[in-house]
C-alpha atoms as a PDB file:
ATOM      1  CA  MET A   1      62.899  33.852 -19.857  1.00  0.00           C
ATOM      2  CA  ALA A   2      62.067  34.905 -16.272  1.00  0.00           C
ATOM      3  CA  PRO A   3      60.353  32.224 -14.147  1.00  0.00           C
ATOM      4  CA  SER A   4      56.692  32.843 -13.467  1.00  0.00           C
ATOM      5  CA  PRO A   5      55.874  33.680  -9.836  1.00  0.00           C
ATOM      6  CA  ASP A   6      53.816  31.381  -7.618  1.00  0.00           C
ATOM      7  CA  LEU A   7      50.080  31.982  -7.564  1.00  0.00           C
ATOM      8  CA  PHE A   8      49.939  31.745  -3.744  1.00  0.00           C
ATOM      9  CA  VAL A   9      51.937  30.715  -0.700  1.00  0.00           C
ATOM     10  CA  VAL A  10      50.783  28.861   2.438  1.00  0.00           C
ATOM     11  CA  CYS A  11      51.022  30.572   5.807  1.00  0.00           C
ATOM     12  CA  LYS A  12      52.959  28.357   8.230  1.00  0.00           C
ATOM     13  CA  GLN A  13      51.005  29.707  11.197  1.00  0.00           C
ATOM     14  CA  CYS A  14      47.370  29.218  10.079  1.00  0.00           C
ATOM     15  CA  GLY A  15      47.699  27.291   6.826  1.00  0.00           C
ATOM     16  CA  SER A  16      45.848  29.885   4.701  1.00  0.00           C
ATOM     17  CA  GLU A  17      46.666  30.477   1.043  1.00  0.00           C
ATOM     18  CA  VAL A  18      47.753  34.108   0.618  1.00  0.00           C
ATOM     19  CA  SER A  19      49.322  36.230  -2.090  1.00  0.00           C
ATOM     20  CA  PRO A  20      53.052  35.785  -2.671  1.00  0.00           C
ATOM     21  CA  TYR A  21      53.509  39.598  -2.833  1.00  0.00           C
ATOM     22  CA  ILE A  22      52.654  40.421   0.803  1.00  0.00           C
ATOM     23  CA  THR A  23      54.853  40.202   3.877  1.00  0.00           C
ATOM     24  CA  GLU A  24      52.215  39.459   6.554  1.00  0.00           C
ATOM     25  CA  CYS A  25      49.325  37.002   6.615  1.00  0.00           C
ATOM     26  CA  PRO A  26      45.996  38.938   6.491  1.00  0.00           C
ATOM     27  CA  TYR A  27      44.274  36.208   8.562  1.00  0.00           C
ATOM     28  CA  CYS A  28      46.587  35.630  11.521  1.00  0.00           C
ATOM     29  CA  GLY A  29      49.157  38.427  11.181  1.00  0.00           C
ATOM     30  CA  ALA A  30      52.142  36.087  11.068  1.00  0.00           C
ATOM     31  CA  ARG A  31      55.297  37.335   9.365  1.00  0.00           C
ATOM     32  CA  LEU A  32      55.766  35.572   6.029  1.00  0.00           C
ATOM     33  CA  ARG A  33      59.011  37.205   4.808  1.00  0.00           C
ATOM     34  CA  GLN A  34      61.098  40.304   5.412  1.00  0.00           C
ATOM     35  CA  ARG A  35      60.287  41.956   2.078  1.00  0.00           C
ATOM     36  CA  ALA A  36      57.960  41.252  -0.836  1.00  0.00           C
ATOM     37  CA  PRO A  37      59.530  39.702  -3.929  1.00  0.00           C
ATOM     38  CA  LYS A  38      60.229  41.991  -6.861  1.00  0.00           C
ATOM     39  CA  LEU A  39      58.012  41.778  -9.913  1.00  0.00           C
ATOM     40  CA  PRO A  40      59.792  40.483 -13.027  1.00  0.00           C
ATOM     41  CA  ARG A  41      60.595  43.352 -15.371  1.00  0.00           C
ATOM     42  CA  MET A  42      59.000  42.810 -18.767  1.00  0.00           C
ATOM     43  CA  LYS A  43      60.878  43.659 -21.891  1.00  0.00           C
ATOM     44  CA  GLY A  44      59.846  46.988 -23.413  1.00  0.00           C
ATOM     45  CA  SER A  45      58.018  48.205 -20.294  1.00  0.00           C
ATOM     46  CA  GLY A  46      59.816  51.562 -20.379  1.00  0.00           C
ATOM     47  CA  ARG A  47      58.584  52.238 -23.885  1.00  0.00           C
ATOM     48  CA  ALA A  48      55.037  51.252 -22.938  1.00  0.00           C
ATOM     49  CA  THR A  49      55.188  53.589 -19.920  1.00  0.00           C
ATOM     50  CA  ARG A  50      56.330  56.467 -22.079  1.00  0.00           C
ATOM     51  CA  GLY A  51      53.530  55.689 -24.543  1.00  0.00           C
ATOM     52  CA  LEU A  52      50.919  55.763 -21.772  1.00  0.00           C
ATOM     53  CA  ALA A  53      52.324  59.073 -20.535  1.00  0.00           C
ATOM     54  CA  ARG A  54      51.908  60.524 -24.013  1.00  0.00           C
ATOM     55  CA  LEU A  55      48.334  59.267 -24.187  1.00  0.00           C
ATOM     56  CA  ARG A  56      47.571  60.890 -20.852  1.00  0.00           C
ATOM     57  CA  LEU A  57      49.064  64.148 -22.120  1.00  0.00           C
ATOM     58  CA  LEU A  58      46.975  64.007 -25.282  1.00  0.00           C
ATOM     59  CA  GLY A  59      43.807  63.387 -23.312  1.00  0.00           C
ATOM     60  CA  ARG A  60      44.391  66.390 -21.075  1.00  0.00           C
ATOM     61  CA  THR A  61      42.455  69.584 -21.908  1.00  0.00           C
ATOM     62  CA  PRO A  62      44.721  72.637 -21.382  1.00  0.00           C
ATOM     63  CA  SER A  63      43.387  75.361 -19.139  1.00  0.00           C
ATOM     64  CA  GLY A  64      44.715  78.232 -17.115  1.00  0.00           C
ATOM     65  CA  ALA A  65      48.181  79.691 -17.425  1.00  0.00           C
ATOM     66  CA  GLY A  66      49.692  76.491 -18.855  1.00  0.00           C
ATOM     67  CA  ALA A  67      47.179  76.214 -21.681  1.00  0.00           C
ATOM     68  CA  ARG A  68      49.491  77.967 -24.103  1.00  0.00           C
ATOM     69  CA  GLU A  69      52.336  75.550 -23.488  1.00  0.00           C
ATOM     70  CA  ARG A  70      50.597  72.173 -23.603  1.00  0.00           C
ATOM     71  CA  GLY A  71      47.531  70.637 -25.163  1.00  0.00           C
ATOM     72  CA  VAL A  72      46.340  69.069 -28.347  1.00  0.00           C
ATOM     73  CA  PRO A  73      44.397  70.212 -31.426  1.00  0.00           C
ATOM     74  CA  GLY A  74      40.668  69.816 -31.465  1.00  0.00           C
ATOM     75  CA  SER A  75      39.527  72.088 -28.647  1.00  0.00           C
ATOM     76  CA  GLN A  76      36.519  74.259 -29.553  1.00  0.00           C
ATOM     77  CA  GLY A  77      37.223  77.774 -30.635  1.00  0.00           C
ATOM     78  CA  ALA A  78      41.022  77.425 -30.589  1.00  0.00           C
ATOM     79  CA  VAL A  79      43.783  77.503 -33.181  1.00  0.00           C
ATOM     80  CA  TRP A  80      46.901  75.477 -32.481  1.00  0.00           C
ATOM     81  CA  ARG A  81      50.402  75.533 -33.854  1.00  0.00           C
ATOM     82  CA  ARG A  82      53.235  73.044 -33.541  1.00  0.00           C
ATOM     83  CA  ARG A  83      56.356  74.167 -31.742  1.00  0.00           C
ATOM     84  CA  GLY A  84      59.716  72.590 -32.318  1.00  0.00           C
ATOM     85  CA  VAL A  85      60.946  70.044 -34.834  1.00  0.00           C
ATOM     86  CA  SER A  86      60.910  66.932 -32.734  1.00  0.00           C
ATOM     87  CA  GLY A  87      59.154  68.007 -29.540  1.00  0.00           C
ATOM     88  CA  GLY A  88      55.671  67.373 -30.875  1.00  0.00           C
ATOM     89  CA  VAL A  89      54.091  70.045 -28.686  1.00  0.00           C
ATOM     90  CA  TRP A  90      50.975  71.796 -29.920  1.00  0.00           C
ATOM     91  CA  ARG A  91      50.594  75.360 -28.757  1.00  0.00           C
ATOM     92  CA  ARG A  92      47.283  77.176 -28.495  1.00  0.00           C
ATOM     93  CA  ARG A  93      47.050  80.625 -30.007  1.00  0.00           C
ATOM     94  CA  GLY A  94      44.793  81.840 -27.233  1.00  0.00           C
ATOM     95  CA  TYR A  95      41.411  82.968 -28.545  1.00  0.00           C
ATOM     96  CA  ARG A  96      39.222  84.422 -25.822  1.00  0.00           C
ATOM     97  CA  SER A  97      36.234  82.456 -27.132  1.00  0.00           C
ATOM     98  CA  ASP A  98      35.414  80.081 -24.292  1.00  0.00           C
ATOM     99  CA  ALA A  99      32.725  82.426 -23.012  1.00  0.00           C
ATOM    100  CA  PHE A 100      30.917  82.391 -26.373  1.00  0.00           C
ATOM    101  CA  ALA A 101      31.445  78.766 -27.403  1.00  0.00           C
ATOM    102  CA  ALA A 102      28.993  77.356 -24.858  1.00  0.00           C
ATOM    103  CA  GLY A 103      26.176  79.860 -25.361  1.00  0.00           C
ATOM    104  CA  LEU A 104      23.505  80.145 -28.009  1.00  0.00           C
ATOM    105  CA  PRO A 105      24.316  82.243 -31.125  1.00  0.00           C
ATOM    106  CA  TYR A 106      21.653  84.880 -30.475  1.00  0.00           C
ATOM    107  CA  ALA A 107      22.987  87.345 -33.062  1.00  0.00           C
ATOM    108  CA  THR A 108      23.051  84.715 -35.810  1.00  0.00           C
ATOM    109  CA  ILE A 109      19.566  83.495 -34.882  1.00  0.00           C
ATOM    110  CA  ALA A 110      18.248  87.062 -35.046  1.00  0.00           C
ATOM    111  CA  LEU A 111      19.810  87.695 -38.471  1.00  0.00           C
ATOM    112  CA  VAL A 112      18.447  84.480 -39.959  1.00  0.00           C
ATOM    113  CA  ALA A 113      15.014  85.078 -38.440  1.00  0.00           C
ATOM    114  CA  ALA A 114      14.944  88.594 -39.905  1.00  0.00           C
ATOM    115  CA  GLY A 115      15.830  87.207 -43.324  1.00  0.00           C
ATOM    116  CA  CYS A 116      13.070  84.614 -43.110  1.00  0.00           C
ATOM    117  CA  ALA A 117      10.580  87.295 -42.023  1.00  0.00           C
ATOM    118  CA  GLY A 118      11.628  89.519 -44.907  1.00  0.00           C
ATOM    119  CA  TRP A 119      11.129  86.769 -47.454  1.00  0.00           C
ATOM    120  CA  VAL A 120       7.687  85.946 -46.019  1.00  0.00           C
ATOM    121  CA  ALA A 121       6.683  89.635 -45.963  1.00  0.00           C
ATOM    122  CA  VAL A 122       7.692  90.248 -49.592  1.00  0.00           C
ATOM    123  CA  ARG A 123       6.256  87.004 -50.952  1.00  0.00           C
ATOM    124  CA  GLY A 124       3.063  87.422 -48.977  1.00  0.00           C
ATOM    125  CA  GLY A 125       2.514  90.976 -50.151  1.00  0.00           C
ATOM    126  CA  TYR A 126       2.912  92.500 -46.693  1.00  0.00           C
ATOM    127  CA  ALA A 127       5.882  94.621 -47.799  1.00  0.00           C
ATOM    128  CA  SER A 128       6.909  96.093 -51.134  1.00  0.00           C
ATOM    129  CA  PHE A 129      10.140  94.940 -52.724  1.00  0.00           C
ATOM    130  CA  PHE A 130      10.852  98.408 -54.165  1.00  0.00           C
ATOM    131  CA  GLU A 131      10.373 100.080 -50.786  1.00  0.00           C
ATOM    132  CA  SER A 132      12.694  97.704 -48.909  1.00  0.00           C
ATOM    133  CA  ALA A 133      15.438  96.783 -51.424  1.00  0.00           C
ATOM    134  CA  ILE A 134      17.803  99.113 -53.262  1.00  0.00           C
ATOM    135  CA  VAL A 135      16.536  99.745 -56.787  1.00  0.00           C
ATOM    136  CA  GLY A 136      18.149 102.811 -58.313  1.00  0.00           C
ATOM    137  CA  PRO A 137      19.552 105.760 -56.337  1.00  0.00           C
ATOM    138  CA  LEU A 138      18.820 105.972 -52.661  1.00  0.00           C
ATOM    139  CA  ASN A 139      17.449 109.545 -52.796  1.00  0.00           C
ATOM    140  CA  GLY A 140      17.722 109.921 -49.050  1.00  0.00           C
ATOM    141  CA  ASP A 141      16.344 106.470 -48.196  1.00  0.00           C
ATOM    142  CA  TRP A 142      19.471 105.522 -46.284  1.00  0.00           C
ATOM    143  CA  TRP A 143      17.622 102.925 -44.230  1.00  0.00           C
ATOM    144  CA  LYS A 144      17.492 100.721 -47.337  1.00  0.00           C
ATOM    145  CA  LEU A 145      21.169  99.996 -46.755  1.00  0.00           C
ATOM    146  CA  PHE A 146      20.129  98.059 -43.628  1.00  0.00           C
ATOM    147  CA  SER A 147      16.849  96.597 -44.897  1.00  0.00           C
ATOM    148  CA  SER A 148      18.012  95.315 -48.274  1.00  0.00           C
ATOM    149  CA  PRO A 149      19.967  92.324 -46.840  1.00  0.00           C
ATOM    150  CA  PHE A 150      16.674  90.904 -45.525  1.00  0.00           C
ATOM    151  CA  VAL A 151      14.612  91.252 -48.727  1.00  0.00           C
ATOM    152  CA  TYR A 152      14.172  88.222 -51.016  1.00  0.00           C
ATOM    153  CA  VAL A 153      11.855  87.421 -53.899  1.00  0.00           C
ATOM    154  CA  ASN A 154      13.333  84.029 -54.744  1.00  0.00           C
ATOM    155  CA  GLY A 155      13.239  81.099 -52.334  1.00  0.00           C
ATOM    156  CA  LEU A 156      16.402  79.394 -53.590  1.00  0.00           C
ATOM    157  CA  TYR A 157      18.446  82.588 -53.275  1.00  0.00           C
ATOM    158  CA  ALA A 158      17.045  83.083 -49.772  1.00  0.00           C
ATOM    159  CA  PHE A 159      17.914  79.506 -48.800  1.00  0.00           C
ATOM    160  CA  VAL A 160      21.541  79.768 -49.957  1.00  0.00           C
ATOM    161  CA  ALA A 161      22.127  83.161 -48.358  1.00  0.00           C
ATOM    162  CA  LEU A 162      20.425  82.319 -45.070  1.00  0.00           C
ATOM    163  CA  LEU A 163      22.108  78.930 -44.802  1.00  0.00           C
ATOM    164  CA  SER A 164      25.511  80.529 -45.305  1.00  0.00           C
ATOM    165  CA  THR A 165      24.665  83.208 -42.747  1.00  0.00           C
ATOM    166  CA  ALA A 166      23.509  80.612 -40.239  1.00  0.00           C
ATOM    167  CA  ILE A 167      26.578  78.365 -40.537  1.00  0.00           C
ATOM    168  CA  PHE A 168      29.380  80.922 -40.684  1.00  0.00           C
ATOM    169  CA  GLY A 169      27.642  83.446 -38.440  1.00  0.00           C
ATOM    170  CA  TRP A 170      27.362  80.737 -35.783  1.00  0.00           C
ATOM    171  CA  LEU A 171      30.997  79.746 -36.191  1.00  0.00           C
ATOM    172  CA  LEU A 172      32.172  83.360 -36.044  1.00  0.00           C
ATOM    173  CA  GLU A 173      29.993  84.053 -33.020  1.00  0.00           C
ATOM    174  CA  ARG A 174      31.483  81.102 -31.152  1.00  0.00           C
ATOM    175  CA  ARG A 175      34.899  82.538 -31.766  1.00  0.00           C
ATOM    176  CA  HIS A 176      34.453  86.324 -31.373  1.00  0.00           C
ATOM    177  CA  GLY A 177      30.987  86.927 -29.928  1.00  0.00           C
ATOM    178  CA  PRO A 178      27.695  88.462 -31.142  1.00  0.00           C
ATOM    179  CA  VAL A 179      28.975  92.022 -31.600  1.00  0.00           C
ATOM    180  CA  ALA A 180      31.539  90.852 -34.126  1.00  0.00           C
ATOM    181  CA  VAL A 181      28.878  88.981 -36.115  1.00  0.00           C
ATOM    182  CA  ILE A 182      26.606  92.038 -36.309  1.00  0.00           C
ATOM    183  CA  ALA A 183      29.522  94.282 -37.311  1.00  0.00           C
ATOM    184  CA  VAL A 184      30.762  91.917 -40.034  1.00  0.00           C
ATOM    185  CA  PHE A 185      27.265  91.253 -41.374  1.00  0.00           C
ATOM    186  CA  PHE A 186      26.212  94.874 -41.756  1.00  0.00           C
ATOM    187  CA  GLY A 187      29.743  96.013 -42.643  1.00  0.00           C
ATOM    188  CA  GLY A 188      29.792  93.720 -45.666  1.00  0.00           C
ATOM    189  CA  ALA A 189      26.170  94.439 -46.652  1.00  0.00           C
ATOM    190  CA  VAL A 190      26.354  98.248 -46.331  1.00  0.00           C
ATOM    191  CA  SER A 191      29.789  98.549 -47.952  1.00  0.00           C
ATOM    192  CA  GLY A 192      28.733  96.416 -50.913  1.00  0.00           C
ATOM    193  CA  ALA A 193      25.530  98.400 -51.397  1.00  0.00           C
ATOM    194  CA  LEU A 194      27.385 101.734 -51.262  1.00  0.00           C
ATOM    195  CA  VAL A 195      29.936 100.618 -53.849  1.00  0.00           C
ATOM    196  CA  ALA A 196      27.141  99.362 -56.138  1.00  0.00           C
ATOM    197  CA  GLU A 197      25.397 102.726 -55.726  1.00  0.00           C
ATOM    198  CA  ALA A 198      28.565 104.544 -56.695  1.00  0.00           C
ATOM    199  CA  VAL A 199      29.392 102.358 -59.745  1.00  0.00           C
ATOM    200  CA  TYR A 200      26.042 101.540 -61.367  1.00  0.00           C
ATOM    201  CA  PRO A 201      23.615 104.186 -62.674  1.00  0.00           C
ATOM    202  CA  LEU A 202      20.689 101.882 -61.768  1.00  0.00           C
ATOM    203  CA  PRO A 203      21.881  99.536 -59.005  1.00  0.00           C
ATOM    204  CA  ILE A 204      19.804  96.633 -57.730  1.00  0.00           C
ATOM    205  CA  VAL A 205      20.895  95.236 -54.400  1.00  0.00           C
ATOM    206  CA  SER A 206      18.810  92.751 -52.479  1.00  0.00           C
ATOM    207  CA  GLY A 207      19.515  89.810 -50.213  1.00  0.00           C
ATOM    208  CA  ALA A 208      22.451  88.946 -47.981  1.00  0.00           C
ATOM    209  CA  ASN A 209      24.985  87.601 -50.461  1.00  0.00           C
ATOM    210  CA  ALA A 210      27.455  90.384 -49.555  1.00  0.00           C
ATOM    211  CA  ALA A 211      26.856  89.912 -45.817  1.00  0.00           C
ATOM    212  CA  ALA A 212      27.212  86.124 -46.022  1.00  0.00           C
ATOM    213  CA  LEU A 213      30.449  86.434 -47.989  1.00  0.00           C
ATOM    214  CA  ALA A 214      31.753  88.848 -45.366  1.00  0.00           C
ATOM    215  CA  LEU A 215      31.023  86.285 -42.633  1.00  0.00           C
ATOM    216  CA  ILE A 216      32.713  83.500 -44.589  1.00  0.00           C
ATOM    217  CA  ALA A 217      35.800  85.618 -45.233  1.00  0.00           C
ATOM    218  CA  ALA A 218      36.077  86.840 -41.633  1.00  0.00           C
ATOM    219  CA  TRP A 219      35.758  83.327 -40.263  1.00  0.00           C
ATOM    220  CA  SER A 220      38.320  81.883 -42.719  1.00  0.00           C
ATOM    221  CA  VAL A 221      41.089  84.381 -41.950  1.00  0.00           C
ATOM    222  CA  PRO A 222      42.730  82.509 -39.011  1.00  0.00           C
ATOM    223  CA  ASP A 223      42.649  79.190 -40.872  1.00  0.00           C
ATOM    224  CA  VAL A 224      44.086  80.754 -44.035  1.00  0.00           C
ATOM    225  CA  LEU A 225      46.928  82.288 -42.020  1.00  0.00           C
ATOM    226  CA  ALA A 226      47.577  78.971 -40.262  1.00  0.00           C
ATOM    227  CA  ALA A 227      47.569  77.083 -43.598  1.00  0.00           C
ATOM    228  CA  ARG A 228      50.056  79.533 -45.084  1.00  0.00           C
ATOM    229  CA  ARG A 229      52.408  79.007 -42.131  1.00  0.00           C
ATOM    230  CA  SER A 230      51.992  75.197 -42.216  1.00  0.00           C
ATOM    231  CA  ARG A 231      50.279  75.124 -38.842  1.00  0.00           C
ATOM    232  CA  TYR A 232      47.356  73.136 -37.580  1.00  0.00           C
ATOM    233  CA  TYR A 233      43.891  74.618 -38.104  1.00  0.00           C
ATOM    234  CA  GLU A 234      40.427  73.308 -37.253  1.00  0.00           C
ATOM    235  CA  GLY A 235      38.270  74.756 -40.026  1.00  0.00           C
ATOM    236  CA  GLU A 236      37.239  73.253 -43.367  1.00  0.00           C
ATOM    237  CA  LEU A 237      38.468  75.730 -45.956  1.00  0.00           C
ATOM    238  CA  LEU A 238      37.180  73.707 -48.899  1.00  0.00           C
ATOM    239  CA  GLY A 239      33.641  73.888 -47.568  1.00  0.00           C
ATOM    240  CA  ALA A 240      33.985  77.644 -47.025  1.00  0.00           C
ATOM    241  CA  CYS A 241      35.239  78.070 -50.593  1.00  0.00           C
ATOM    242  CA  ALA A 242      32.277  76.068 -51.917  1.00  0.00           C
ATOM    243  CA  PHE A 243      29.797  78.321 -50.113  1.00  0.00           C
ATOM    244  CA  ALA A 244      31.641  81.414 -51.309  1.00  0.00           C
ATOM    245  CA  ALA A 245      31.670  80.203 -54.908  1.00  0.00           C
ATOM    246  CA  VAL A 246      27.905  79.581 -54.862  1.00  0.00           C
ATOM    247  CA  LEU A 247      27.241  83.057 -53.454  1.00  0.00           C
ATOM    248  CA  LEU A 248      29.524  84.700 -56.017  1.00  0.00           C
ATOM    249  CA  LEU A 249      27.769  82.862 -58.873  1.00  0.00           C
ATOM    250  CA  THR A 250      24.249  83.560 -57.579  1.00  0.00           C
ATOM    251  CA  PRO A 251      23.981  87.003 -59.298  1.00  0.00           C
ATOM    252  CA  TYR A 252      24.275  85.296 -62.676  1.00  0.00           C
ATOM    253  CA  ALA A 253      21.025  83.419 -61.905  1.00  0.00           C
ATOM    254  CA  ARG A 254      19.216  86.076 -59.888  1.00  0.00           C
ATOM    255  CA  PRO A 255      19.469  89.713 -61.074  1.00  0.00           C
ATOM    256  CA  GLU A 256      18.481  91.158 -57.678  1.00  0.00           C
ATOM    257  CA  ALA A 257      21.755  89.877 -56.232  1.00  0.00           C
ATOM    258  CA  SER A 258      24.701  92.144 -57.038  1.00  0.00           C
ATOM    259  CA  TRP A 259      28.022  90.423 -57.726  1.00  0.00           C
ATOM    260  CA  LEU A 260      29.912  93.694 -57.117  1.00  0.00           C
ATOM    261  CA  ALA A 261      28.293  94.039 -53.691  1.00  0.00           C
ATOM    262  CA  GLY A 262      29.222  90.408 -52.932  1.00  0.00           C
ATOM    263  CA  PHE A 263      32.847  90.935 -53.946  1.00  0.00           C
ATOM    264  CA  VAL A 264      33.130  94.077 -51.840  1.00  0.00           C
ATOM    265  CA  GLY A 265      31.484  92.305 -48.928  1.00  0.00           C
ATOM    266  CA  ALA A 266      34.062  89.509 -49.118  1.00  0.00           C
ATOM    267  CA  CYS A 267      36.894  92.071 -49.114  1.00  0.00           C
ATOM    268  CA  VAL A 268      35.411  93.864 -46.117  1.00  0.00           C
ATOM    269  CA  GLY A 269      35.085  90.516 -44.329  1.00  0.00           C
ATOM    270  CA  LEU A 270      38.772  89.769 -44.913  1.00  0.00           C
ATOM    271  CA  VAL A 271      39.790  93.146 -43.469  1.00  0.00           C
ATOM    272  CA  LEU A 272      37.532  92.760 -40.436  1.00  0.00           C
ATOM    273  CA  GLY A 273      38.660  89.161 -39.964  1.00  0.00           C
ATOM    274  CA  LEU A 274      42.307  90.280 -39.912  1.00  0.00           C
ATOM    275  CA  GLY A 275      41.439  92.892 -37.321  1.00  0.00           C
ATOM    276  CA  LEU A 276      39.543  90.434 -35.138  1.00  0.00           C
ATOM    277  CA  THR A 277      42.354  87.901 -35.381  1.00  0.00           C
ATOM    278  CA  SER A 278      44.985  90.436 -34.364  1.00  0.00           C
ATOM    279  CA  ILE A 279      42.857  91.566 -31.407  1.00  0.00           C
ATOM    280  CA  GLU A 280      41.905  88.105 -30.145  1.00  0.00           C
ATOM    281  CA  SER A 281      45.251  86.434 -30.809  1.00  0.00           C
ATOM    282  CA  PRO A 282      48.059  88.961 -30.495  1.00  0.00           C
ATOM    283  CA  GLU A 283      50.694  86.210 -30.220  1.00  0.00           C
ATOM    284  CA  ASP A 284      52.284  85.084 -33.458  1.00  0.00           C
END
C-alpha cells in the first residue's frame, strides 16, 4: 500500500505551513524543492478515466458535420442506429427536422381546431350534417371530400379522432414540417372517401378516422423500419397500434365512420410515410 502524503510542509525561510505539492513558498518565495512530488497512482485509475471519457461522450449532443458519426439516442426528431459489433457507436440517420422541432405545430393546431368547430357547428344546428358529410353519391359536390373529415355528430368519436390527430400530427410535424402533415391528412381522408364512393352504392363518410390513421401510419414508418433492422428507435409503436386499433374499430360503434375509408387512409399513410422517410433520410 502506498504511503499517504504529508498534509503540509514547513517553509524553512518563513516558517509557514504550505502544500507539499508546490515548489516555492507562496508567502516568501523561497525555494522548497526542485520538483513537486508525484501523486501516488491509484489502482484502477485508467479504467475510471476511460469510464469518465465515455460519460462525457454520451453527454455530448452531436451537431454539425460530425453528428452522423457520434452521438447517443434520445435527441429530438432523430433516428439512430448502432454501428459495429463492439464499437458501441450510435449513428444518426440525419432527419432535417431541427427547424420544426422547436416551433409550434401550427398545421396540427389548425386541423384540430377545424374539427372542433365542425362538431360544434353540427351539434349546434349551425350546419347541416347532410350538406357537409358524404352521404350517398357526390353528384358534383366535390368539396365534401375536404369538409367531411371535420364533421361529427358524436362526441366520443370526435374525441378519439381529434386526439389521434393532435398527437400524431404534432409528432409528424416535428419531424417533417407542416406541409407534410396537411398532405398526409387530406391524402388519407380524400383517398378513403373516394374508395368508399367507388365501392358502396350508398356511402357514408364522416369524421377524420381515415386521416388520423394516415398520420399514425406515416409517423410509424421510420420506427417500423428501424425495428425490422434491429436498430434503435425513439417512438412507442405499441401506443400507435392502440390508437390505430381504436380508430379501426370505431365504425362498428358509429355508422358515420367508414372502416373502408379508414383502412385506405392507413395504406395511403404508409406510402406517404415511406416517401417522406426516403426524402428526409436518404442514407441507409
